[in-house]
Amino acid sequence: MAIADSTSLIKDLREKTGAGMMDCKRALDEAKGNYEEALVILRKKGMADAAKKSSRVTKEGAVAFKVDGKAGAIVELNSETDFVAKGADFQAMVKTVVEKAAAGTLKSVEAANEEFVKPMVGKLGENMALRRFDRFELKGPGLIAGYAHQTDLAVPAKKGALVEITTSTEEAAKSPEVAELAKELLLQIVGFSPKYLNRSEVPAADIEKEKEIHTEILRKEGKPEASIPKIIEGKINKLFYQQWCLLDQISVRDNKTPVTEFVKAAGAKLGATITVTRFVRYQLGE
């Protein structure tokens, strides 16, 4: 094979696979100049390298969201180092994955890792993985909104949230009031880390455990047995529901009004029913 032809094939192999120049040359030599066979060799090598790297810890990465009409998604992709997470190749992969998640064409974490992440592992030389993703899709009038928190635009977001709001009318869904409400809810979710939307989502076993703990504490403090149930009710409301339930939390807007009151106020102003249907919060590594 002529040197010029060989150089051209090596360049094509590198562009197609992202493998290093020397790896491409060795693959082409092993394949005796056969381009397609060299591709297979590089793919096998990439998969083998990815398998070796898969045991290495991925503690960096990015959280990203994408809203596409009446659907939206949030993803967490991990890498070993912040250096790779900030790179153009990793960020391009994040963009591809979150767009496919929002479009509903991302079927599973495993499939996404096989199709998008493994090739990038071979190219960038460190372990990476799609850890999780969630997708919301409206069934009627409403709004899906997302937020990814960045303190430095050069550094990928490490936490974010996705929220779904349903409304009784399309007019309300498109209103500035609902858009502003969604923004406030997202800041609330990211900043105050609620675990549940409302009280009905809290497992009964969790409440019983809280009651047991506070009952024991109150008895040790010498509180009268007859007064303990009422004291516990107040503690559960303030120390548990207000901490862990989004709609019970005190709003970031004024630090005194429960979130649910602002949701009701927005509905009253628009003459519509507004419901916070669901949310999800991601933090890198949690």
Protein backbone atom coordinates (compact mmCIF):
# COMPACT_ATOMS: atom_id res chain seq x y z
CA MET A 1 0.00 0.00 0.00
CA ALA A 2 1.31 3.47 -0.86
CA ILE A 3 2.31 5.70 2.06
CA ALA A 4 -0.15 8.40 0.96
CA ASP A 5 -3.00 5.86 0.87
CA SER A 6 -2.01 4.49 4.28
CA THR A 7 -1.90 7.95 5.82
CA SER A 8 -5.33 8.77 4.40
CA LEU A 9 -6.83 5.55 5.80
CA ILE A 10 -5.27 6.17 9.21
CA LYS A 11 -6.76 9.67 9.22
CA ASP A 12 -10.19 8.32 8.25
CA LEU A 13 -10.01 5.64 10.95
CA ARG A 14 -9.12 8.23 13.57
CA GLU A 15 -11.99 10.51 12.55
CA LYS A 16 -14.49 7.64 12.53
CA THR A 17 -13.46 5.97 15.79
CA GLY A 18 -11.73 8.66 17.83
CA ALA A 19 -8.85 6.23 18.45
CA GLY A 20 -5.25 7.45 18.59
CA MET A 21 -3.10 7.67 15.46
CA MET A 22 -0.80 4.83 16.56
CA ASP A 23 -3.77 2.61 17.44
CA CYS A 24 -5.21 3.24 13.97
CA LYS A 25 -1.86 2.47 12.32
CA ARG A 26 -1.45 -0.78 14.29
CA ALA A 27 -5.02 -1.84 13.44
CA LEU A 28 -4.44 -1.12 9.76
CA ASP A 29 -1.16 -3.08 9.83
CA GLU A 30 -2.86 -6.01 11.55
CA ALA A 31 -5.65 -5.91 8.97
CA LYS A 32 -3.05 -5.86 6.16
CA GLY A 33 -4.46 -2.59 4.85
CA ASN A 34 -8.14 -3.67 4.91
CA TYR A 35 -10.09 -0.63 6.13
CA GLU A 36 -13.27 -2.47 7.22
CA GLU A 37 -11.28 -5.11 9.09
CA ALA A 38 -9.24 -2.37 10.79
CA LEU A 39 -12.52 -0.81 11.93
CA VAL A 40 -13.56 -4.12 13.52
CA ILE A 41 -10.19 -4.42 15.26
CA LEU A 42 -10.50 -0.91 16.68
CA ARG A 43 -14.06 -1.55 17.81
CA LYS A 44 -12.99 -4.71 19.62
CA LYS A 45 -10.09 -2.87 21.20
CA GLY A 46 -12.39 -0.03 22.23
CA MET A 47 -14.83 -2.44 23.86
CA ALA A 48 -12.02 -4.25 25.65
CA ASP A 49 -10.60 -0.96 26.88
CA ALA A 50 -14.04 0.16 28.01
CA ALA A 51 -14.48 -3.09 29.94
CA LYS A 52 -11.14 -2.53 31.70
CA LYS A 53 -12.06 1.04 32.59
CA SER A 54 -15.60 0.24 33.76
CA SER A 55 -14.39 -0.65 37.25
CA ARG A 56 -12.88 2.80 37.81
CA VAL A 57 -14.83 5.25 39.95
CA THR A 58 -16.94 7.89 38.18
CA LYS A 59 -17.49 10.74 40.62
CA GLU A 60 -17.51 13.73 38.26
CA GLY A 61 -19.73 14.48 35.28
CA ALA A 62 -22.78 16.56 34.48
CA VAL A 63 -26.48 16.94 35.17
CA ALA A 64 -28.44 18.30 32.20
CA PHE A 65 -32.06 18.77 31.14
CA LYS A 66 -33.95 19.30 27.90
CA VAL A 67 -37.55 20.40 27.40
CA ASP A 68 -39.04 19.56 24.03
CA GLY A 69 -42.61 20.83 23.70
CA LYS A 70 -44.84 18.80 25.99
CA ALA A 71 -42.02 16.51 27.13
CA GLY A 72 -38.82 16.97 29.05
CA ALA A 73 -35.97 14.92 30.45
CA ILE A 74 -33.11 15.16 32.90
CA VAL A 75 -29.94 13.04 32.82
CA GLU A 76 -26.87 12.38 34.92
CA LEU A 77 -23.72 11.36 33.06
CA ASN A 78 -20.62 10.51 35.08
CA SER A 79 -16.91 10.67 34.34
CA GLU A 80 -13.79 10.04 36.38
CA THR A 81 -12.44 13.57 36.18
CA ASP A 82 -13.76 17.10 36.03
CA PHE A 83 -11.28 17.76 33.20
CA VAL A 84 -13.09 15.30 30.90
CA ALA A 85 -16.53 16.48 32.09
CA LYS A 86 -15.66 20.02 30.96
CA GLY A 87 -14.41 18.86 27.56
CA ALA A 88 -16.20 19.40 24.27
CA ASP A 89 -16.49 15.66 23.50
CA PHE A 90 -18.16 14.84 26.82
CA GLN A 91 -20.47 17.83 26.59
CA ALA A 92 -21.48 16.87 23.06
CA MET A 93 -22.34 13.39 24.32
CA VAL A 94 -24.41 14.87 27.17
CA LYS A 95 -26.31 17.02 24.64
CA THR A 96 -27.02 14.02 22.41
CA VAL A 97 -28.17 11.82 25.29
CA VAL A 98 -30.45 14.40 26.91
CA GLU A 99 -32.03 15.31 23.55
CA LYS A 100 -32.80 11.67 22.84
CA ALA A 101 -34.15 11.24 26.37
CA ALA A 102 -36.51 14.20 25.89
CA ALA A 103 -37.61 12.89 22.50
CA GLY A 104 -38.47 9.53 24.08
CA THR A 105 -35.99 7.54 21.98
CA LEU A 106 -33.69 6.69 24.89
CA LYS A 107 -35.07 3.34 25.98
CA SER A 108 -32.81 2.40 28.88
CA VAL A 109 -29.63 3.32 30.74
CA GLU A 110 -27.97 0.14 29.50
CA ALA A 111 -28.83 0.79 25.84
CA ALA A 112 -27.61 4.37 26.07
CA ASN A 113 -24.33 3.33 27.65
CA GLU A 114 -23.79 0.77 24.91
CA GLU A 115 -24.61 3.13 22.04
CA PHE A 116 -23.23 6.48 23.18
CA VAL A 117 -20.95 6.09 26.17
CA LYS A 118 -18.76 3.10 25.34
CA PRO A 119 -17.40 4.67 22.14
CA MET A 120 -16.52 7.81 24.13
CA VAL A 121 -14.74 5.72 26.77
CA GLY A 122 -12.49 4.38 24.02
CA LYS A 123 -11.91 7.85 22.62
CA LEU A 124 -11.24 9.78 25.84
CA GLY A 125 -9.54 7.01 27.80
CA GLU A 126 -11.45 7.09 31.06
CA ASN A 127 -14.54 5.46 32.52
CA MET A 128 -17.89 7.14 31.90
CA ALA A 129 -21.51 6.12 32.34
CA LEU A 130 -25.06 7.34 32.06
CA ARG A 131 -26.19 6.83 35.63
CA ARG A 132 -29.89 7.70 35.32
CA PHE A 133 -32.51 9.65 33.42
CA ASP A 134 -36.15 10.64 33.89
CA ARG A 135 -38.66 11.78 31.32
CA PHE A 136 -41.96 13.61 31.86
CA GLU A 137 -44.66 14.00 29.22
CA LEU A 138 -47.83 16.05 29.56
CA LYS A 139 -51.16 14.36 28.90
CA GLY A 140 -53.09 17.63 28.77
CA PRO A 141 -52.61 21.37 29.37
CA GLY A 142 -49.59 22.24 31.47
CA LEU A 143 -45.91 23.01 31.54
CA ILE A 144 -42.71 21.01 31.94
CA ALA A 145 -39.67 23.01 33.01
CA GLY A 146 -36.12 22.25 34.00
CA TYR A 147 -33.15 23.88 35.69
CA ALA A 148 -29.47 22.98 35.97
CA HIS A 149 -27.47 24.91 38.55
CA GLN A 150 -24.13 26.36 37.47
CA THR A 151 -21.95 28.76 39.45
CA ASP A 152 -19.42 28.86 36.59
CA LEU A 153 -20.46 28.51 32.96
CA ALA A 154 -17.19 26.70 32.21
CA VAL A 155 -18.07 23.94 34.70
CA PRO A 156 -20.95 21.49 33.99
CA ALA A 157 -23.95 21.62 36.29
CA LYS A 158 -23.77 19.18 39.20
CA LYS A 159 -27.38 19.46 40.30
CA GLY A 160 -30.69 20.18 38.64
CA ALA A 161 -34.40 19.45 38.58
CA LEU A 162 -37.38 18.78 36.33
CA VAL A 163 -40.95 19.70 37.27
CA GLU A 164 -44.36 19.06 35.74
CA ILE A 165 -47.27 21.44 36.29
CA THR A 166 -50.75 20.70 34.98
CA THR A 167 -53.36 23.38 34.37
CA SER A 168 -57.06 23.34 33.60
CA THR A 169 -56.61 25.46 30.46
CA GLU A 170 -54.01 25.94 27.74
CA GLU A 171 -54.17 29.71 28.33
CA ALA A 172 -53.04 29.24 31.91
CA ALA A 173 -50.28 26.85 30.81
CA LYS A 174 -48.86 29.51 28.47
CA SER A 175 -49.12 32.36 30.98
CA PRO A 176 -46.16 34.25 32.47
CA GLU A 177 -47.53 33.41 35.92
CA VAL A 178 -47.15 29.66 35.41
CA ALA A 179 -43.70 30.12 33.86
CA GLU A 180 -42.62 32.16 36.90
CA LEU A 181 -44.15 29.60 39.26
CA ALA A 182 -42.19 26.83 37.53
CA LYS A 183 -38.98 28.83 37.90
CA GLU A 184 -39.57 29.34 41.62
CA LEU A 185 -40.42 25.67 42.12
CA LEU A 186 -37.21 24.58 40.40
CA LEU A 187 -35.10 26.89 42.58
CA GLN A 188 -36.94 25.52 45.61
CA ILE A 189 -36.33 21.91 44.60
CA VAL A 190 -32.65 22.36 43.81
CA GLY A 191 -31.97 24.53 46.86
CA PHE A 192 -34.01 22.73 49.53
CA SER A 193 -33.87 19.10 48.37
CA PRO A 194 -37.44 17.87 49.00
CA LYS A 195 -37.91 14.11 48.81
CA TYR A 196 -41.67 14.08 48.27
CA LEU A 197 -44.22 16.21 46.46
CA ASN A 198 -46.82 16.16 49.23
CA ARG A 199 -47.78 14.37 52.44
CA SER A 200 -49.64 11.58 50.67
CA GLU A 201 -46.36 10.38 49.11
CA VAL A 202 -44.62 9.90 52.45
CA PRO A 203 -44.48 6.20 53.45
CA ALA A 204 -46.48 5.56 56.63
CA ALA A 205 -43.53 3.63 58.06
CA ASP A 206 -41.37 6.77 57.87
CA ILE A 207 -43.91 8.77 59.87
CA GLU A 208 -44.25 6.02 62.47
CA LYS A 209 -40.48 5.93 62.85
CA GLU A 210 -40.38 9.70 63.39
CA LYS A 211 -43.13 9.41 65.99
CA GLU A 212 -41.22 6.70 67.85
CA ILE A 213 -38.06 8.80 67.92
CA HIS A 214 -39.81 11.95 69.17
CA THR A 215 -41.90 10.00 71.70
CA GLU A 216 -38.74 8.56 73.24
CA ILE A 217 -37.09 11.99 73.37
CA LEU A 218 -40.14 13.63 74.97
CA ARG A 219 -40.44 10.90 77.59
CA LYS A 220 -36.79 11.34 78.53
CA GLU A 221 -37.47 15.08 78.85
CA GLY A 222 -40.24 14.26 81.32
CA LYS A 223 -43.16 15.54 79.27
CA PRO A 224 -46.61 14.42 80.51
CA GLU A 225 -47.77 11.35 78.61
CA ALA A 226 -51.12 12.97 77.77
CA SER A 227 -49.42 15.91 76.04
CA ILE A 228 -47.01 13.86 73.93
CA PRO A 229 -49.33 13.09 70.93
CA LYS A 230 -50.10 16.79 70.34
CA ILE A 231 -46.45 17.80 70.68
CA ILE A 232 -45.47 15.07 68.23
CA GLU A 233 -48.09 16.21 65.72
CA GLY A 234 -46.53 19.68 65.75
CA LYS A 235 -43.02 18.27 65.37
CA ILE A 236 -44.02 16.03 62.47
CA ASN A 237 -45.63 19.00 60.72
CA LYS A 238 -42.70 21.33 61.25
CA LEU A 239 -39.67 19.07 61.35
CA PHE A 240 -40.69 16.44 58.82
CA TYR A 241 -43.35 17.62 56.36
CA GLN A 242 -41.94 21.15 56.08
CA GLN A 243 -38.48 19.75 55.48
CA TRP A 244 -39.17 16.93 53.04
CA CYS A 245 -42.45 17.71 51.21
CA LEU A 246 -42.17 20.28 48.42
CA LEU A 247 -45.65 21.74 48.84
CA ASP A 248 -45.21 22.04 52.62
CA GLN A 249 -41.81 23.72 52.42
CA ILE A 250 -41.50 27.42 53.15
CA SER A 251 -41.09 29.21 49.83
CA VAL A 252 -37.82 30.82 48.76
CA ARG A 253 -39.94 33.79 47.64
CA ASP A 254 -40.54 35.23 51.11
CA ASN A 255 -39.22 32.63 53.59
CA LYS A 256 -42.53 32.46 55.42
CA THR A 257 -45.30 31.19 53.10
CA PRO A 258 -45.71 27.49 52.22
CA VAL A 259 -45.14 26.65 48.55
CA THR A 260 -48.68 25.33 48.20
CA GLU A 261 -50.09 28.81 48.95
CA PHE A 262 -48.22 30.34 46.04
CA VAL A 263 -49.50 27.57 43.77
CA LYS A 264 -53.08 28.33 44.86
CA ALA A 265 -52.54 32.07 44.43
CA ALA A 266 -51.31 31.63 40.87
CA GLY A 267 -54.41 29.56 40.05
CA ALA A 268 -56.73 32.13 41.61
CA LYS A 269 -55.11 34.95 39.65
CA LEU A 270 -55.55 33.08 36.38
CA GLY A 271 -59.00 31.68 37.19
CA ALA A 272 -57.66 28.17 36.60
CA THR A 273 -56.70 25.06 38.48
CA ILE A 274 -52.95 24.65 38.80
CA THR A 275 -51.43 21.44 40.12
CA VAL A 276 -47.83 20.51 40.69
CA THR A 277 -47.93 16.94 39.39
CA ARG A 278 -44.41 15.64 39.94
CA PHE A 279 -40.77 16.56 40.13
CA VAL A 280 -37.35 14.97 40.22
CA ARG A 281 -34.12 16.36 41.63
CA TYR A 282 -30.63 15.19 40.61
CA GLN A 283 -27.36 15.85 42.36
CA LEU A 284 -24.16 14.40 40.99
CA GLY A 285 -23.27 11.19 42.80
CA GLU A 286 -26.32 11.11 45.11
